Every structure is written in C-alpha cells, then in structure tokens.
Protein backbone atom coordinates (compact mmCIF):
# COMPACT_ATOMS: atom_id res chain seq x y z
CA MET A 1 32.66 -13.12 -4.04
CA THR A 2 34.20 -16.54 -3.47
CA PRO A 3 34.56 -19.33 -6.07
CA SER A 4 32.47 -22.48 -5.61
CA PRO A 5 33.84 -26.00 -6.23
CA ASP A 6 32.57 -25.85 -9.83
CA GLY A 7 34.55 -22.66 -10.47
CA LEU A 8 31.55 -20.35 -10.40
CA PHE A 9 31.50 -17.35 -8.09
CA GLN A 10 29.04 -17.32 -5.21
CA ARG A 11 27.79 -14.35 -3.23
CA PRO A 12 28.99 -14.24 0.37
CA HIS A 13 26.61 -15.88 2.81
CA HIS A 14 26.24 -12.68 4.87
CA ASP A 15 25.08 -10.76 1.75
CA ILE A 16 22.33 -13.32 1.16
CA LYS A 17 21.28 -13.12 4.80
CA ASN A 18 21.12 -9.33 4.65
CA GLU A 19 18.87 -9.48 1.57
CA GLU A 20 16.58 -11.98 3.28
CA ARG A 21 16.29 -9.67 6.30
CA ARG A 22 15.43 -6.76 4.01
CA GLU A 23 12.73 -8.77 2.26
CA TRP A 24 11.00 -9.66 5.53
CA LEU A 25 11.08 -6.21 7.13
CA ARG A 26 7.47 -5.44 8.02
CA ILE A 27 5.62 -2.33 9.18
CA ASP A 28 2.08 -1.31 10.04
CA ASP A 29 0.92 1.47 7.73
CA ARG A 30 -2.10 3.20 6.19
CA LEU A 31 -2.11 2.93 2.40
CA LEU A 32 -4.52 3.34 -0.48
CA LEU A 33 -5.62 -0.19 -1.41
CA GLU A 34 -7.89 -1.90 -3.93
CA TYR A 35 -8.49 -5.62 -4.22
CA ARG A 36 -10.64 -8.32 -5.83
CA ARG A 37 -10.48 -12.06 -6.29
CA ALA A 38 -8.39 -12.95 -9.34
CA ASP A 39 -11.21 -14.92 -11.01
CA GLU A 40 -13.63 -11.98 -10.77
CA PRO A 41 -14.05 -9.31 -13.48
CA VAL A 42 -12.24 -6.00 -13.19
CA GLU A 43 -15.56 -4.36 -12.30
CA ALA A 44 -15.63 -6.37 -9.07
CA MET A 45 -12.78 -4.29 -7.61
CA ASN A 46 -14.01 -2.92 -4.25
CA ARG A 47 -17.60 -3.92 -5.10
CA TYR A 48 -18.22 -5.46 -1.67
CA LEU A 49 -16.97 -2.40 0.25
CA PRO A 50 -19.37 0.33 1.41
CA PRO A 51 -20.14 2.78 -1.42
CA ALA A 52 -17.65 5.58 -1.94
CA THR A 53 -18.53 8.78 -0.10
CA GLU A 54 -17.35 12.36 -0.45
CA ASP A 55 -14.95 11.76 2.45
CA THR A 56 -13.39 8.60 0.96
CA ILE A 57 -13.04 10.37 -2.40
CA ALA A 58 -11.39 13.41 -0.82
CA THR A 59 -8.97 11.16 1.08
CA ALA A 60 -8.04 9.04 -1.95
CA VAL A 61 -7.45 12.05 -4.19
CA SER A 62 -5.53 14.20 -1.71
CA LYS A 63 -3.35 11.58 0.03
CA PRO A 64 -0.62 11.28 -2.66
CA THR A 65 -0.18 15.06 -2.76
CA VAL A 66 -0.14 15.28 1.04
CA ASP A 67 2.47 12.49 1.16
CA LEU A 68 4.58 14.32 -1.41
CA LEU A 69 4.45 17.49 0.66
CA VAL A 70 5.48 15.59 3.79
CA ARG A 71 8.39 13.84 2.07
CA ALA A 72 9.66 16.71 -0.07
CA GLY A 73 9.05 19.38 2.56
CA GLU A 74 9.98 22.93 1.59
CA THR A 75 11.38 21.77 -1.75
CA PHE A 76 7.95 20.92 -3.12
CA ALA A 77 6.04 23.46 -1.04
CA GLY A 78 7.87 26.23 -2.87
CA SER A 79 7.62 24.61 -6.29
CA PRO A 80 5.55 26.29 -9.04
CA LEU A 81 4.12 22.82 -9.73
CA LEU A 82 2.24 22.71 -6.43
CA PRO A 83 -0.65 25.00 -7.49
CA TRP A 84 -1.14 22.90 -10.64
CA VAL A 85 -1.15 19.63 -8.70
CA THR A 86 -3.60 21.11 -6.20
CA LYS A 87 -5.86 22.28 -9.03
CA ILE A 88 -5.83 18.83 -10.67
CA ASP A 89 -6.71 17.25 -7.32
CA TRP A 90 -9.61 19.68 -6.89
CA MET A 91 -10.95 19.01 -10.41
CA LEU A 92 -10.72 15.23 -10.02
CA GLU A 93 -12.35 15.35 -6.60
CA THR A 94 -15.19 17.53 -7.92
CA ILE A 95 -15.86 15.19 -10.86
CA LEU A 96 -15.90 12.06 -8.68
CA LYS A 97 -18.15 13.65 -6.06
CA SER A 98 -20.59 14.68 -8.81
CA LEU A 99 -20.63 11.10 -10.11
CA VAL A 100 -21.36 9.75 -6.64
CA LYS A 101 -24.29 12.13 -6.25
CA SER A 102 -25.79 11.46 -9.68
CA HIS A 103 -25.01 7.73 -9.87
CA PRO A 104 -24.62 6.25 -6.35
CA GLY A 105 -22.38 3.21 -6.31
CA SER A 106 -20.83 4.04 -9.69
CA VAL A 107 -17.44 5.12 -8.34
CA THR A 108 -14.92 2.50 -7.26
CA ILE A 109 -11.85 4.05 -5.72
CA ALA A 110 -8.90 3.03 -3.59
CA ARG A 111 -9.62 3.23 0.14
CA LEU A 112 -7.22 4.26 2.87
CA THR A 113 -6.64 0.96 4.65
CA ASP A 114 -4.70 -0.14 7.72
CA VAL A 115 -2.22 -2.75 6.50
CA ASP A 116 0.89 -4.59 7.56
CA ILE A 117 3.26 -4.80 4.65
CA SER A 118 6.55 -6.46 3.77
CA ALA A 119 8.24 -7.30 0.49
CA GLY A 120 6.77 -10.78 0.95
CA GLY A 121 3.11 -9.99 1.47
CA LEU A 122 0.30 -7.83 2.79
CA GLY A 123 -2.14 -8.14 5.69
CA PHE A 124 -5.39 -6.20 6.01
CA ASP A 125 -8.98 -6.35 7.28
CA THR A 126 -11.92 -6.88 4.94
CA PRO A 127 -15.68 -7.11 5.43
CA ARG A 128 -15.85 -9.97 2.94
CA GLU A 129 -15.08 -13.61 3.74
CA PHE A 130 -12.43 -15.09 1.49
CA GLN A 131 -10.88 -18.55 1.66
CA ALA A 132 -7.30 -19.62 2.25
CA ASP A 133 -5.54 -20.19 -1.11
CA ASP A 134 -7.77 -17.65 -2.90
CA LEU A 135 -5.79 -15.45 -5.25
CA LEU A 136 -6.32 -11.69 -5.01
CA VAL A 137 -5.45 -8.93 -7.44
CA LEU A 138 -4.04 -6.10 -5.31
CA LYS A 139 -3.39 -2.46 -6.15
CA VAL A 140 -1.42 -0.56 -3.53
CA ILE A 141 -0.25 3.03 -3.77
CA LEU A 142 3.00 3.66 -1.94
CA PRO A 143 3.63 7.31 -1.05
CA PRO A 144 3.67 9.46 -2.90
CA PHE A 145 2.73 8.08 -6.35
CA SER A 146 4.12 4.54 -6.73
CA MET A 147 1.50 2.00 -7.85
CA ILE A 148 2.13 -1.65 -6.98
CA GLU A 149 -0.16 -4.04 -8.87
CA THR A 150 0.32 -7.72 -8.16
CA THR A 151 -1.33 -11.03 -7.33
CA ALA A 152 -1.27 -12.41 -3.81
CA LYS A 153 -2.27 -15.75 -2.35
CA ILE A 154 -4.29 -15.76 0.87
CA ILE A 155 -2.41 -17.87 3.39
CA ARG A 156 -4.60 -17.21 6.44
CA VAL A 157 -8.12 -15.90 7.16
CA THR A 158 -8.87 -14.86 10.75
CA PRO A 159 -12.25 -13.58 12.00
CA LEU A 160 -11.96 -10.20 13.68
CA GLU A 161 -12.47 -9.93 17.41
CA GLN A 162 -15.98 -10.33 18.76
CA GLY A 163 -18.02 -7.20 18.09
CA SER A 164 -16.15 -6.43 14.85
CA ALA A 165 -17.58 -7.65 11.56
CA GLY A 166 -15.13 -8.94 9.00
CA PHE A 167 -11.89 -10.85 8.65
CA HIS A 168 -8.15 -10.28 8.68
CA LEU A 169 -6.32 -11.60 5.62
CA ALA A 170 -2.66 -12.55 5.54
CA THR A 171 -1.43 -12.75 1.96
CA GLN A 172 1.76 -13.68 0.17
CA PHE A 173 2.80 -12.05 -3.10
CA VAL A 174 3.12 -14.58 -5.91
CA ASP A 175 4.23 -12.50 -8.91
CA LEU A 176 5.85 -9.39 -7.47
CA GLY A 177 8.56 -8.03 -9.76
CA GLY A 178 12.02 -7.12 -8.51
CA ASP A 179 11.46 -3.39 -9.07
CA GLU A 180 8.18 -3.46 -7.16
CA GLN A 181 9.79 -5.42 -4.33
CA GLU A 182 12.55 -2.84 -4.08
CA LEU A 183 9.95 -0.03 -3.96
CA ILE A 184 8.28 -1.72 -1.00
CA ILE A 185 11.57 -2.27 0.82
CA ARG A 186 12.61 1.35 0.30
CA HIS A 187 9.21 2.55 1.52
CA ILE A 188 9.49 0.42 4.67
CA LEU A 189 13.02 1.65 5.41
CA GLN A 190 11.98 5.28 4.86
CA VAL A 191 8.94 4.96 7.15
CA GLN A 192 11.06 3.30 9.83
CA ALA A 193 13.62 6.12 9.58
CA GLU A 194 10.89 8.79 9.77
CA ARG A 195 9.31 7.15 12.81
CA LEU A 196 12.69 6.85 14.52
CA ARG A 197 13.38 10.56 13.95
CA THR A 198 9.94 11.42 15.34
CA ARG A 199 10.55 9.32 18.47
CA LYS A 200 13.98 10.90 19.01
CA ALA A 201 12.55 14.39 18.56
CA ALA A 202 9.76 13.66 21.04
CA HIS A 203 12.24 12.16 23.51
CA SER A 204 14.48 15.24 23.27
CA LEU A 205 11.55 17.45 24.34
CA LEU A 206 11.02 15.47 27.56
C-alpha cells in the first residue's frame, strides 16, 4: 500500500482494477431460480410460472446432489453420506409429487433457468411483463448448495424474439452482501475453469 497526502494508506490502483474486473465477470449458466416483485407477498413467488410438474420437481430436488457429485467426483461418490443424501432426495421428491397430484398448483419450487450472471446482476427470461425500475426478490442456488437471496432492480426489459412469448430481464443487485458476492465470483471462476478444461480435453482428442 502507498500513503495518500493525508497520511492514510491507499490500496494500489492495479488491485482496485483487478477487483472491478472480478466483479464484472459474467457467464451464461443454468441455475435454480425463484423470483417475485418485492411489493408482492411471499406466496407470489413463482405464481405466474406454469404449475410445477413431476419433471420440474425431480430436476429441482436432484440438481444440487448431481452438482455435488460432479464437483467432488470420486471423493463424494465413495462417501457413506451419498446413500443418505440420495434417500433424502427421493423422500422429498415423493412428497412434493404427491402434493402436486392431490393439490395442483400448491407447490412452488425453484425452476432450472437459463441465466447470465455476474457479481453485479442477473439476466433471465420470464413469461411475465415487468417494468424497468421494479424491484425483485431473487433466490438463486449456486452449485451445489449455496443459496443467494437478494433484491435486484430491473434495469432493462426486452421482449423476446418474434415467436417467443415473454421478456428478457436485465437486473442489478441492490443489497448483495460481500459474502454472497464472493460466492458468485468463485462460482463464475470455477465454471470458467471447468469449461476451459473441457475445451482443452476435447481439442486434445482431435
């Protein structure tokens, strides 16, 4: 660090620039997502999406465990915890599917959603029309089990291409904590590293 004219120490300019670059790293991904407008009741979460089905329930319940298996590899695959986690997944999935059959529309659950994500905001498609400056409550599950719950401001609403119903939202986080921001950055860096390894492995087979 270097002292400023008032005697206080300042962080080097290149360190600040590096942090800014980290914050604005962005990737396309598929994540479990829930959202509602901030002025709506909690029960409004996902209310305007198509009703949950057995397939969406199975995906939402199994994805964190699948992600953990992918990331931990043989370490978790050989763990005595795996059968217990699998059993819990099966029980939860069975209960939710039974609820859907007996009370259609009663289950609200995170949906696997195509997103573009950075530590500054989130973009995704929605069937519902929102307005710029609307505030959304977002719940995002980063693999394998990290829940990010925050508020985001809609900065842009774009109709989807002709023939596709819905809108693309570009949002900016407004109250994301430092720990949550770091979780997102680490997730982005890990996904980028995994994708680079996959590309190199594919290239080596050519």
